Amino acid sequence: MAAQGGGGSARFSPVVVSRMTGGSGEWTTEQAVDLLRQGYDVDRVVLMTGFDRRWVAAQHRRLG
């Protein structure tokens, strides 16, 4: 039999990301942005570093 709650709604605390690492763990965010500054395109940086494409694309847009 499933346990039953006290009738109140569940409360969740916000999620805080304190660190983000690439897929291989060998690249820092600063290194990924530096690759963009050097002229690498978004897809290549994603492939090299393992970072999420949306994050890399956002960093590329910020660089202008």
Protein backbone atom coordinates (compact mmCIF):
# COMPACT_ATOMS: atom_id res chain seq x y z
CA MET A 1 0.00 0.00 0.00
CA ALA A 2 1.32 3.46 -0.89
CA ALA A 3 2.06 5.99 1.79
CA GLN A 4 -0.26 8.95 1.85
CA GLY A 5 0.78 12.55 2.46
CA GLY A 6 -0.70 14.96 4.95
CA GLY A 7 -3.01 16.56 2.40
CA GLY A 8 -0.74 19.52 1.68
CA SER A 9 0.96 20.29 -1.58
CA ALA A 10 4.57 19.30 -2.17
CA ARG A 11 7.13 22.07 -1.90
CA PHE A 12 10.26 22.03 -3.96
CA SER A 13 13.27 24.26 -3.61
CA PRO A 14 14.83 25.87 -6.70
CA VAL A 15 17.58 23.98 -8.49
CA VAL A 16 20.94 25.71 -8.43
CA VAL A 17 23.65 24.74 -10.91
CA SER A 18 26.99 25.41 -9.32
CA ARG A 19 29.17 23.86 -12.01
CA MET A 20 28.81 22.83 -15.62
CA THR A 21 31.20 20.45 -17.31
CA GLY A 22 31.55 19.25 -20.84
CA GLY A 23 30.73 15.73 -21.87
CA SER A 24 34.32 14.59 -21.57
CA GLY A 25 35.09 16.73 -18.52
CA GLU A 26 38.29 17.92 -20.20
CA TRP A 27 37.02 21.35 -21.28
CA THR A 28 36.13 24.39 -19.19
CA THR A 29 33.47 26.88 -20.17
CA GLU A 30 36.20 29.48 -20.68
CA GLN A 31 38.01 27.19 -23.13
CA ALA A 32 34.80 26.58 -25.08
CA VAL A 33 34.16 30.31 -25.40
CA ASP A 34 37.79 30.83 -26.43
CA LEU A 35 37.30 28.34 -29.27
CA LEU A 36 34.38 30.46 -30.48
CA ARG A 37 36.58 33.57 -30.30
CA GLN A 38 39.17 31.76 -32.42
CA GLY A 39 36.57 31.27 -35.14
CA TYR A 40 35.37 27.72 -34.58
CA ASP A 41 31.69 27.35 -35.43
CA VAL A 42 29.08 26.30 -32.87
CA ASP A 43 28.73 22.73 -34.14
CA ARG A 44 32.48 22.14 -34.05
CA VAL A 45 32.77 23.47 -30.48
CA VAL A 46 29.89 21.21 -29.39
CA LEU A 47 31.58 18.23 -31.02
CA MET A 48 34.96 19.00 -29.48
CA THR A 49 33.85 19.89 -25.95
CA GLY A 50 30.63 17.97 -25.36
CA PHE A 51 28.81 21.09 -24.12
CA ASP A 52 25.12 21.49 -24.90
CA ARG A 53 24.53 23.09 -28.30
CA ARG A 54 22.03 25.59 -26.87
CA TRP A 55 24.61 26.85 -24.36
CA VAL A 56 27.36 27.13 -26.98
CA ALA A 57 25.01 28.94 -29.38
CA ALA A 58 24.05 31.40 -26.62
CA GLN A 59 27.72 32.12 -25.92
CA HIS A 60 28.29 32.65 -29.65
CA ARG A 61 25.45 35.16 -29.79
CA ARG A 62 26.88 37.02 -26.78
CA LEU A 63 30.19 37.43 -28.58
CA GLY A 64 28.35 39.21 -31.36
